[in-house]
Amino acid sequence: MNCLKANLTTSTASFVSLLALTLSIGMQEVQAISSSQKTSTRTPSQSLPSDTSFKVAQVNPIRGQWKLRFNNAGIVHESVLRMNGYSGIMLTRFYDVNYKRSSIVQQTMRLSSTPNGLIILGYNPVFPGTKTRYPGYSADSFLFQINPNGSAKFVTCDNARRCSPVEVFR
């Protein structure tokens, strides 16, 4: 468990650094997704640590299913992300140039909060329904942030440091 936690922390730190660099060099903004659903807010209990990112992640678990669309080196990826609190799974369909056909990869996802926004960190890309690692597939991670001016950004960067804006469909 500590090894997994250390790997998640290291991956999160490198992802945030990479994302900050990517955003600072002018990655195009992704339009905010309008939603008719209202969200409720809860006040954090006094027993929670004073670390703001801890409070945000603890108070705002993500529950639901979304379709995501992004690209990696010109190859479009279509994913279904299912989150149940602080963890979930994602199935991604893409054209695999090595197999010369459309393929599907499954990843375990984990919600984390940072000063830059919410991160959904992917790890362990495998063939769906198995524990067999998908060769050559770099895990995907996502950053969602709403800026003070109201603009929203949803971007993905994989472990190979390839980044792309993300389209989200409910």
N, C-alpha and C. Protein backbone atom coordinates (compact mmCIF):
# COMPACT_ATOMS: atom_id res chain seq x y z
N MET A 1 0.83 -1.19 0.00
CA MET A 1 0.00 0.00 0.00
C MET A 1 0.87 1.25 0.00
N ASN A 2 1.94 1.26 0.83
CA ASN A 2 2.82 2.43 0.86
C ASN A 2 3.50 2.63 -0.49
N CYS A 3 3.85 1.53 -1.15
CA CYS A 3 4.48 1.62 -2.47
C CYS A 3 3.50 2.27 -3.46
N LEU A 4 2.22 1.83 -3.42
CA LEU A 4 1.21 2.41 -4.30
C LEU A 4 1.04 3.88 -3.99
N LYS A 5 0.98 4.22 -2.68
CA LYS A 5 0.81 5.61 -2.28
C LYS A 5 1.99 6.45 -2.75
N ALA A 6 3.20 5.93 -2.62
CA ALA A 6 4.39 6.65 -3.08
C ALA A 6 4.36 6.84 -4.59
N ASN A 7 3.95 5.79 -5.32
CA ASN A 7 3.87 5.91 -6.78
C ASN A 7 2.82 6.93 -7.19
N LEU A 8 1.66 6.94 -6.49
CA LEU A 8 0.63 7.92 -6.81
C LEU A 8 1.13 9.33 -6.52
N THR A 9 1.83 9.51 -5.38
CA THR A 9 2.34 10.83 -5.03
C THR A 9 3.36 11.30 -6.06
N THR A 10 4.29 10.42 -6.44
CA THR A 10 5.30 10.77 -7.44
C THR A 10 4.65 11.09 -8.78
N SER A 11 3.70 10.24 -9.20
CA SER A 11 3.02 10.48 -10.47
C SER A 11 2.23 11.78 -10.43
N THR A 12 1.57 12.04 -9.30
CA THR A 12 0.78 13.27 -9.16
C THR A 12 1.69 14.49 -9.24
N ALA A 13 2.82 14.46 -8.53
CA ALA A 13 3.74 15.60 -8.54
C ALA A 13 4.27 15.85 -9.94
N SER A 14 4.67 14.80 -10.65
CA SER A 14 5.20 15.00 -12.00
C SER A 14 4.09 15.45 -12.95
N PHE A 15 2.89 14.93 -12.76
CA PHE A 15 1.77 15.34 -13.59
C PHE A 15 1.46 16.82 -13.39
N VAL A 16 1.42 17.27 -12.13
CA VAL A 16 1.11 18.67 -11.84
C VAL A 16 2.19 19.58 -12.42
N SER A 17 3.47 19.21 -12.27
CA SER A 17 4.55 20.00 -12.84
C SER A 17 4.43 20.09 -14.35
N LEU A 18 4.18 18.96 -14.98
CA LEU A 18 4.04 18.92 -16.43
C LEU A 18 2.83 19.73 -16.88
N LEU A 19 1.74 19.58 -16.15
CA LEU A 19 0.53 20.30 -16.52
C LEU A 19 0.72 21.80 -16.38
N ALA A 20 1.37 22.25 -15.32
CA ALA A 20 1.63 23.68 -15.14
C ALA A 20 2.45 24.22 -16.30
N LEU A 21 3.47 23.47 -16.71
CA LEU A 21 4.29 23.88 -17.84
C LEU A 21 3.46 23.94 -19.12
N THR A 22 2.66 22.90 -19.35
CA THR A 22 1.84 22.84 -20.55
C THR A 22 0.86 24.00 -20.61
N LEU A 23 0.19 24.27 -19.49
CA LEU A 23 -0.78 25.35 -19.47
C LEU A 23 -0.10 26.70 -19.63
N SER A 24 1.10 26.86 -19.09
CA SER A 24 1.78 28.15 -19.18
C SER A 24 2.27 28.45 -20.59
N ILE A 25 2.47 27.43 -21.42
CA ILE A 25 2.93 27.71 -22.78
C ILE A 25 1.77 27.81 -23.77
N GLY A 26 0.57 27.91 -23.24
CA GLY A 26 -0.53 28.29 -24.12
C GLY A 26 -1.44 27.19 -24.62
N MET A 27 -1.65 26.16 -23.83
CA MET A 27 -2.61 25.14 -24.27
C MET A 27 -3.98 25.80 -24.38
N GLN A 28 -4.68 25.47 -25.43
CA GLN A 28 -5.97 26.12 -25.67
C GLN A 28 -6.97 25.74 -24.58
N GLU A 29 -7.84 26.70 -24.29
CA GLU A 29 -8.83 26.48 -23.25
C GLU A 29 -9.95 25.59 -23.76
N VAL A 30 -10.48 24.83 -22.85
CA VAL A 30 -11.61 23.98 -23.15
C VAL A 30 -12.84 24.69 -22.61
N GLN A 31 -13.86 24.77 -23.41
CA GLN A 31 -15.06 25.48 -23.00
C GLN A 31 -15.69 24.79 -21.80
N ALA A 32 -16.24 25.58 -20.91
CA ALA A 32 -16.92 25.04 -19.73
C ALA A 32 -18.13 24.23 -20.17
N ILE A 33 -18.37 23.18 -19.46
CA ILE A 33 -19.51 22.32 -19.77
C ILE A 33 -20.67 22.81 -18.92
N SER A 34 -21.75 23.18 -19.59
CA SER A 34 -22.89 23.66 -18.83
C SER A 34 -23.70 22.47 -18.36
N SER A 35 -24.20 22.58 -17.16
CA SER A 35 -24.97 21.50 -16.58
C SER A 35 -26.19 22.07 -15.89
N SER A 36 -27.30 21.42 -16.06
CA SER A 36 -28.51 21.90 -15.41
C SER A 36 -28.61 21.39 -13.98
N GLN A 37 -27.74 20.47 -13.60
CA GLN A 37 -27.78 19.93 -12.25
C GLN A 37 -27.09 20.88 -11.29
N LYS A 38 -27.73 21.09 -10.15
CA LYS A 38 -27.14 21.89 -9.09
C LYS A 38 -26.38 20.95 -8.17
N THR A 39 -25.27 21.42 -7.65
CA THR A 39 -24.51 20.61 -6.71
C THR A 39 -24.66 21.23 -5.33
N SER A 40 -24.71 20.39 -4.35
CA SER A 40 -24.80 20.89 -2.99
C SER A 40 -23.42 20.92 -2.38
N THR A 41 -23.24 21.81 -1.43
CA THR A 41 -21.95 21.89 -0.75
C THR A 41 -22.16 21.57 0.71
N ARG A 42 -21.15 20.96 1.31
CA ARG A 42 -21.19 20.66 2.74
C ARG A 42 -20.03 21.38 3.40
N THR A 43 -20.22 21.72 4.64
CA THR A 43 -19.15 22.34 5.40
C THR A 43 -18.28 21.24 5.97
N PRO A 44 -16.96 21.32 5.79
CA PRO A 44 -16.09 20.28 6.34
C PRO A 44 -16.18 20.27 7.86
N SER A 45 -16.10 19.08 8.44
CA SER A 45 -16.15 18.99 9.89
C SER A 45 -14.85 19.52 10.48
N GLN A 46 -14.90 19.89 11.74
CA GLN A 46 -13.73 20.43 12.41
C GLN A 46 -12.65 19.37 12.60
N SER A 47 -13.01 18.08 12.52
CA SER A 47 -12.04 17.02 12.76
C SER A 47 -11.10 16.78 11.58
N LEU A 48 -11.40 17.36 10.41
CA LEU A 48 -10.53 17.19 9.25
C LEU A 48 -9.26 18.00 9.42
N PRO A 49 -8.14 17.54 8.86
CA PRO A 49 -6.90 18.32 8.91
C PRO A 49 -7.09 19.66 8.22
N SER A 50 -6.23 20.61 8.54
CA SER A 50 -6.38 21.95 7.98
C SER A 50 -5.89 22.05 6.54
N ASP A 51 -5.30 21.00 5.99
CA ASP A 51 -4.83 21.00 4.61
C ASP A 51 -6.02 21.14 3.67
N THR A 52 -6.08 22.25 2.93
CA THR A 52 -7.21 22.56 2.07
C THR A 52 -7.45 21.48 1.03
N SER A 53 -6.39 20.97 0.39
CA SER A 53 -6.58 19.96 -0.65
C SER A 53 -7.19 18.70 -0.06
N PHE A 54 -6.85 18.38 1.18
CA PHE A 54 -7.45 17.21 1.83
C PHE A 54 -8.95 17.44 1.98
N LYS A 55 -9.35 18.64 2.43
CA LYS A 55 -10.76 18.95 2.63
C LYS A 55 -11.53 18.86 1.31
N VAL A 56 -10.98 19.43 0.25
CA VAL A 56 -11.68 19.42 -1.04
C VAL A 56 -11.93 17.99 -1.50
N ALA A 57 -10.90 17.16 -1.44
CA ALA A 57 -11.05 15.78 -1.90
C ALA A 57 -11.99 15.00 -1.00
N GLN A 58 -11.97 15.25 0.31
CA GLN A 58 -12.82 14.52 1.22
C GLN A 58 -14.28 14.96 1.12
N VAL A 59 -14.51 16.23 0.84
CA VAL A 59 -15.86 16.75 0.81
C VAL A 59 -16.51 16.54 -0.55
N ASN A 60 -15.72 16.44 -1.61
CA ASN A 60 -16.26 16.37 -2.96
C ASN A 60 -15.89 15.09 -3.70
N PRO A 61 -16.37 13.94 -3.25
CA PRO A 61 -16.11 12.74 -4.05
C PRO A 61 -16.86 12.86 -5.37
N ILE A 62 -16.37 12.16 -6.37
CA ILE A 62 -17.00 12.20 -7.70
C ILE A 62 -17.75 10.89 -7.90
N ARG A 63 -19.01 11.00 -8.26
CA ARG A 63 -19.82 9.81 -8.53
C ARG A 63 -20.52 10.01 -9.87
N GLY A 64 -20.41 9.03 -10.73
CA GLY A 64 -21.10 9.12 -12.01
C GLY A 64 -20.29 8.52 -13.14
N GLN A 65 -20.84 8.69 -14.33
CA GLN A 65 -20.21 8.14 -15.54
C GLN A 65 -20.16 9.23 -16.60
N TRP A 66 -19.01 9.34 -17.27
CA TRP A 66 -18.82 10.34 -18.30
C TRP A 66 -18.13 9.70 -19.50
N LYS A 67 -18.44 10.22 -20.68
CA LYS A 67 -17.71 9.84 -21.89
C LYS A 67 -16.69 10.94 -22.14
N LEU A 68 -15.47 10.55 -22.39
CA LEU A 68 -14.37 11.48 -22.63
C LEU A 68 -13.82 11.25 -24.03
N ARG A 69 -13.36 12.33 -24.64
CA ARG A 69 -12.73 12.21 -25.96
C ARG A 69 -11.50 13.10 -25.96
N PHE A 70 -10.36 12.51 -26.32
CA PHE A 70 -9.09 13.25 -26.37
C PHE A 70 -8.21 12.59 -27.41
N ASN A 71 -7.07 13.22 -27.71
CA ASN A 71 -6.19 12.62 -28.71
C ASN A 71 -4.79 12.47 -28.15
N ASN A 72 -4.08 11.54 -28.73
CA ASN A 72 -2.70 11.27 -28.35
C ASN A 72 -1.95 11.07 -29.66
N ALA A 73 -1.11 12.04 -30.01
CA ALA A 73 -0.33 11.98 -31.25
C ALA A 73 -1.23 11.79 -32.48
N GLY A 74 -2.39 12.44 -32.46
CA GLY A 74 -3.30 12.36 -33.59
C GLY A 74 -4.25 11.18 -33.56
N ILE A 75 -4.11 10.30 -32.59
CA ILE A 75 -4.99 9.14 -32.47
C ILE A 75 -6.07 9.48 -31.44
N VAL A 76 -7.32 9.48 -31.88
CA VAL A 76 -8.44 9.82 -31.00
C VAL A 76 -8.71 8.67 -30.03
N HIS A 77 -8.88 9.03 -28.77
CA HIS A 77 -9.22 8.07 -27.72
C HIS A 77 -10.62 8.40 -27.23
N GLU A 78 -11.48 7.40 -27.12
CA GLU A 78 -12.82 7.57 -26.57
C GLU A 78 -12.92 6.71 -25.33
N SER A 79 -13.25 7.35 -24.21
CA SER A 79 -13.25 6.65 -22.93
C SER A 79 -14.60 6.75 -22.24
N VAL A 80 -14.87 5.78 -21.39
CA VAL A 80 -15.98 5.84 -20.45
C VAL A 80 -15.34 5.79 -19.07
N LEU A 81 -15.52 6.87 -18.32
CA LEU A 81 -14.97 6.99 -16.97
C LEU A 81 -16.10 6.79 -15.98
N ARG A 82 -15.95 5.83 -15.07
CA ARG A 82 -16.93 5.58 -14.01
C ARG A 82 -16.24 5.82 -12.68
N MET A 83 -16.72 6.83 -11.96
CA MET A 83 -16.15 7.15 -10.65
C MET A 83 -17.18 6.86 -9.57
N ASN A 84 -16.71 6.26 -8.47
CA ASN A 84 -17.56 5.98 -7.32
C ASN A 84 -16.84 6.50 -6.08
N GLY A 85 -16.87 7.80 -5.89
CA GLY A 85 -16.18 8.40 -4.76
C GLY A 85 -14.79 8.82 -5.16
N TYR A 86 -13.80 8.19 -4.56
CA TYR A 86 -12.41 8.58 -4.79
C TYR A 86 -11.68 7.62 -5.73
N SER A 87 -12.40 6.62 -6.26
CA SER A 87 -11.76 5.69 -7.18
C SER A 87 -12.77 5.28 -8.25
N GLY A 88 -12.26 4.67 -9.30
CA GLY A 88 -13.12 4.23 -10.38
C GLY A 88 -12.33 3.47 -11.42
N ILE A 89 -12.98 3.23 -12.55
CA ILE A 89 -12.31 2.58 -13.67
C ILE A 89 -12.60 3.37 -14.94
N MET A 90 -11.75 3.19 -15.92
CA MET A 90 -11.96 3.83 -17.21
C MET A 90 -11.62 2.83 -18.31
N LEU A 91 -12.53 2.70 -19.26
CA LEU A 91 -12.29 1.90 -20.46
C LEU A 91 -12.06 2.87 -21.61
N THR A 92 -10.99 2.64 -22.36
CA THR A 92 -10.62 3.54 -23.45
C THR A 92 -10.49 2.75 -24.74
N ARG A 93 -11.18 3.24 -25.78
CA ARG A 93 -11.09 2.63 -27.11
C ARG A 93 -10.25 3.56 -27.98
N PHE A 94 -9.30 2.98 -28.71
CA PHE A 94 -8.40 3.75 -29.56
C PHE A 94 -7.85 2.84 -30.65
N TYR A 95 -7.28 3.44 -31.68
CA TYR A 95 -6.65 2.67 -32.74
C TYR A 95 -5.20 2.40 -32.32
N ASP A 96 -4.86 1.13 -32.17
CA ASP A 96 -3.51 0.74 -31.77
C ASP A 96 -2.69 0.48 -33.03
N VAL A 97 -1.71 1.35 -33.30
CA VAL A 97 -0.91 1.21 -34.51
C VAL A 97 -0.05 -0.05 -34.49
N ASN A 98 0.29 -0.55 -33.30
CA ASN A 98 1.08 -1.78 -33.21
C ASN A 98 0.28 -3.01 -33.64
N TYR A 99 -1.01 -3.05 -33.24
CA TYR A 99 -1.87 -4.17 -33.60
C TYR A 99 -2.63 -3.91 -34.90
N LYS A 100 -2.57 -2.67 -35.39
CA LYS A 100 -3.27 -2.26 -36.61
C LYS A 100 -4.77 -2.54 -36.54
N ARG A 101 -5.35 -2.22 -35.37
CA ARG A 101 -6.79 -2.38 -35.16
C ARG A 101 -7.23 -1.56 -33.96
N SER A 102 -8.53 -1.41 -33.83
CA SER A 102 -9.10 -0.73 -32.67
C SER A 102 -8.93 -1.63 -31.45
N SER A 103 -8.52 -1.03 -30.33
CA SER A 103 -8.29 -1.80 -29.11
C SER A 103 -8.95 -1.10 -27.93
N ILE A 104 -9.09 -1.84 -26.83
CA ILE A 104 -9.65 -1.28 -25.60
C ILE A 104 -8.68 -1.58 -24.46
N VAL A 105 -8.47 -0.57 -23.62
CA VAL A 105 -7.63 -0.72 -22.44
C VAL A 105 -8.45 -0.30 -21.22
N GLN A 106 -8.22 -0.98 -20.10
CA GLN A 106 -8.90 -0.65 -18.84
C GLN A 106 -7.87 -0.11 -17.85
N GLN A 107 -8.24 0.97 -17.15
CA GLN A 107 -7.34 1.55 -16.14
C GLN A 107 -8.09 1.75 -14.83
N THR A 108 -7.38 1.64 -13.74
CA THR A 108 -7.92 2.01 -12.44
C THR A 108 -7.67 3.50 -12.27
N MET A 109 -8.65 4.22 -11.72
CA MET A 109 -8.56 5.67 -11.58
C MET A 109 -8.67 6.05 -10.11
N ARG A 110 -7.97 7.11 -9.72
CA ARG A 110 -7.97 7.59 -8.34
C ARG A 110 -8.10 9.11 -8.33
N LEU A 111 -9.02 9.63 -7.50
CA LEU A 111 -9.24 11.07 -7.37
C LEU A 111 -8.26 11.65 -6.36
N SER A 112 -7.67 12.77 -6.73
CA SER A 112 -6.74 13.49 -5.85
C SER A 112 -7.00 14.98 -6.03
N SER A 113 -6.73 15.74 -4.99
CA SER A 113 -6.93 17.18 -5.07
C SER A 113 -5.60 17.89 -4.91
N THR A 114 -5.37 18.92 -5.72
CA THR A 114 -4.15 19.72 -5.64
C THR A 114 -4.55 21.19 -5.67
N PRO A 115 -3.62 22.08 -5.38
CA PRO A 115 -3.92 23.51 -5.50
C PRO A 115 -4.30 23.91 -6.93
N ASN A 116 -3.92 23.12 -7.93
CA ASN A 116 -4.24 23.43 -9.32
C ASN A 116 -5.58 22.88 -9.78
N GLY A 117 -6.25 22.09 -8.96
CA GLY A 117 -7.53 21.51 -9.34
C GLY A 117 -7.62 20.05 -8.95
N LEU A 118 -8.65 19.39 -9.42
CA LEU A 118 -8.84 17.97 -9.13
C LEU A 118 -8.12 17.14 -10.19
N ILE A 119 -7.42 16.13 -9.72
CA ILE A 119 -6.71 15.22 -10.62
C ILE A 119 -7.35 13.85 -10.51
N ILE A 120 -7.62 13.26 -11.66
CA ILE A 120 -8.03 11.86 -11.71
C ILE A 120 -6.84 11.13 -12.32
N LEU A 121 -6.16 10.38 -11.48
CA LEU A 121 -4.91 9.73 -11.84
C LEU A 121 -5.16 8.30 -12.28
N GLY A 122 -4.75 7.96 -13.51
CA GLY A 122 -4.90 6.61 -14.02
C GLY A 122 -3.65 5.79 -13.77
N TYR A 123 -3.85 4.51 -13.52
CA TYR A 123 -2.71 3.61 -13.37
C TYR A 123 -3.13 2.19 -13.71
N ASN A 124 -2.15 1.34 -13.93
CA ASN A 124 -2.35 -0.07 -14.24
C ASN A 124 -3.21 -0.30 -15.49
N PRO A 125 -2.76 0.18 -16.67
CA PRO A 125 -3.51 -0.10 -17.90
C PRO A 125 -3.39 -1.58 -18.27
N VAL A 126 -4.54 -2.25 -18.36
CA VAL A 126 -4.57 -3.70 -18.63
C VAL A 126 -5.58 -4.00 -19.73
N PHE A 127 -5.50 -5.22 -20.28
CA PHE A 127 -6.54 -5.69 -21.17
C PHE A 127 -7.81 -5.84 -20.32
N PRO A 128 -8.97 -5.38 -20.81
CA PRO A 128 -10.19 -5.39 -20.00
C PRO A 128 -10.51 -6.76 -19.40
N GLY A 129 -10.86 -6.73 -18.10
CA GLY A 129 -11.25 -7.95 -17.41
C GLY A 129 -10.11 -8.87 -17.04
N THR A 130 -8.87 -8.43 -17.25
CA THR A 130 -7.71 -9.26 -16.91
C THR A 130 -6.77 -8.46 -16.02
N LYS A 131 -5.70 -9.10 -15.61
CA LYS A 131 -4.63 -8.40 -14.89
C LYS A 131 -3.39 -8.27 -15.78
N THR A 132 -3.57 -8.58 -17.08
CA THR A 132 -2.46 -8.54 -18.03
C THR A 132 -2.23 -7.11 -18.50
N ARG A 133 -1.05 -6.60 -18.23
CA ARG A 133 -0.71 -5.23 -18.60
C ARG A 133 -0.80 -5.06 -20.12
N TYR A 134 -1.36 -3.91 -20.54
CA TYR A 134 -1.45 -3.60 -21.96
C TYR A 134 -0.10 -3.05 -22.39
N PRO A 135 0.65 -3.77 -23.25
CA PRO A 135 2.01 -3.34 -23.60
C PRO A 135 2.03 -2.00 -24.34
N GLY A 136 2.88 -1.12 -23.87
CA GLY A 136 3.09 0.16 -24.54
C GLY A 136 2.06 1.23 -24.24
N TYR A 137 1.01 0.91 -23.45
CA TYR A 137 0.00 1.94 -23.16
C TYR A 137 0.41 2.69 -21.90
N SER A 138 0.52 3.99 -22.03
CA SER A 138 0.91 4.85 -20.92
C SER A 138 -0.36 5.34 -20.21
N ALA A 139 -0.44 5.15 -18.90
CA ALA A 139 -1.64 5.50 -18.13
C ALA A 139 -2.02 6.97 -18.35
N ASP A 140 -3.32 7.23 -18.36
CA ASP A 140 -3.85 8.58 -18.57
C ASP A 140 -4.21 9.21 -17.22
N SER A 141 -3.98 10.51 -17.11
CA SER A 141 -4.40 11.27 -15.94
C SER A 141 -5.08 12.54 -16.43
N PHE A 142 -6.01 13.05 -15.62
CA PHE A 142 -6.80 14.20 -16.03
C PHE A 142 -6.77 15.28 -14.96
N LEU A 143 -6.77 16.53 -15.39
CA LEU A 143 -6.87 17.67 -14.48
C LEU A 143 -8.13 18.44 -14.84
N PHE A 144 -8.94 18.72 -13.82
CA PHE A 144 -10.12 19.56 -14.01
C PHE A 144 -9.98 20.75 -13.09
N GLN A 145 -10.11 21.95 -13.67
CA GLN A 145 -10.03 23.16 -12.85
C GLN A 145 -11.02 24.20 -13.35
N ILE A 146 -11.58 24.93 -12.40
CA ILE A 146 -12.41 26.09 -12.71
C ILE A 146 -11.65 27.29 -12.18
N ASN A 147 -11.30 28.18 -13.08
CA ASN A 147 -10.49 29.35 -12.73
C ASN A 147 -11.35 30.46 -12.12
N PRO A 148 -10.70 31.42 -11.44
CA PRO A 148 -11.45 32.52 -10.82
C PRO A 148 -12.35 33.29 -11.80
N ASN A 149 -11.98 33.33 -13.08
CA ASN A 149 -12.80 34.05 -14.06
C ASN A 149 -13.97 33.20 -14.58
N GLY A 150 -14.11 31.97 -14.06
CA GLY A 150 -15.21 31.10 -14.45
C GLY A 150 -14.90 30.15 -15.59
N SER A 151 -13.75 30.32 -16.24
CA SER A 151 -13.40 29.41 -17.33
C SER A 151 -13.00 28.05 -16.75
N ALA A 152 -13.32 27.01 -17.48
CA ALA A 152 -12.99 25.66 -17.04
C ALA A 152 -11.98 25.04 -17.99
N LYS A 153 -11.10 24.23 -17.44
CA LYS A 153 -10.14 23.47 -18.25
C LYS A 153 -10.23 22.02 -17.83
N PHE A 154 -10.22 21.15 -18.82
CA PHE A 154 -10.16 19.72 -18.57
C PHE A 154 -9.13 19.19 -19.56
N VAL A 155 -8.01 18.76 -19.06
CA VAL A 155 -6.92 18.29 -19.91
C VAL A 155 -6.43 16.94 -19.42
N THR A 156 -5.77 16.22 -20.30
CA THR A 156 -5.17 14.95 -19.94
C THR A 156 -3.69 14.97 -20.30
N CYS A 157 -2.91 14.32 -19.49
CA CYS A 157 -1.50 14.06 -19.79
C CYS A 157 -1.23 12.61 -19.41
N ASP A 158 -0.52 11.89 -20.26
CA ASP A 158 -0.21 10.52 -19.90
C ASP A 158 1.19 10.45 -19.31
N ASN A 159 1.59 9.27 -18.88
CA ASN A 159 2.91 9.10 -18.25
C ASN A 159 4.06 9.38 -19.21
N ALA A 160 3.79 9.40 -20.51
CA ALA A 160 4.82 9.72 -21.50
C ALA A 160 4.86 11.23 -21.78
N ARG A 161 4.13 12.01 -20.98
CA ARG A 161 4.11 13.48 -21.05
C ARG A 161 3.48 14.02 -22.33
N ARG A 162 2.50 13.30 -22.86
CA ARG A 162 1.73 13.78 -24.00
C ARG A 162 0.42 14.33 -23.46
N CYS A 163 0.10 15.57 -23.80
CA CYS A 163 -1.07 16.25 -23.24
C CYS A 163 -2.07 16.62 -24.34
N SER A 164 -3.35 16.72 -23.94
CA SER A 164 -4.41 17.05 -24.88
C SER A 164 -5.61 17.62 -24.12
N PRO A 165 -6.34 18.56 -24.74
CA PRO A 165 -7.62 18.96 -24.16
C PRO A 165 -8.58 17.77 -24.19
N VAL A 166 -9.59 17.80 -23.33
CA VAL A 166 -10.55 16.71 -23.24
C VAL A 166 -11.96 17.24 -23.47
N GLU A 167 -12.73 16.54 -24.30
CA GLU A 167 -14.16 16.81 -24.43
C GLU A 167 -14.88 15.87 -23.48
N VAL A 168 -15.89 16.40 -22.79
CA VAL A 168 -16.63 15.60 -21.81
C VAL A 168 -18.10 15.57 -22.20
N PHE A 169 -18.67 14.38 -22.17
CA PHE A 169 -20.09 14.18 -22.46
C PHE A 169 -20.70 13.42 -21.30
N ARG A 170 -21.87 13.80 -20.89
CA ARG A 170 -22.52 13.14 -19.75
C ARG A 170 -23.27 11.93 -20.21
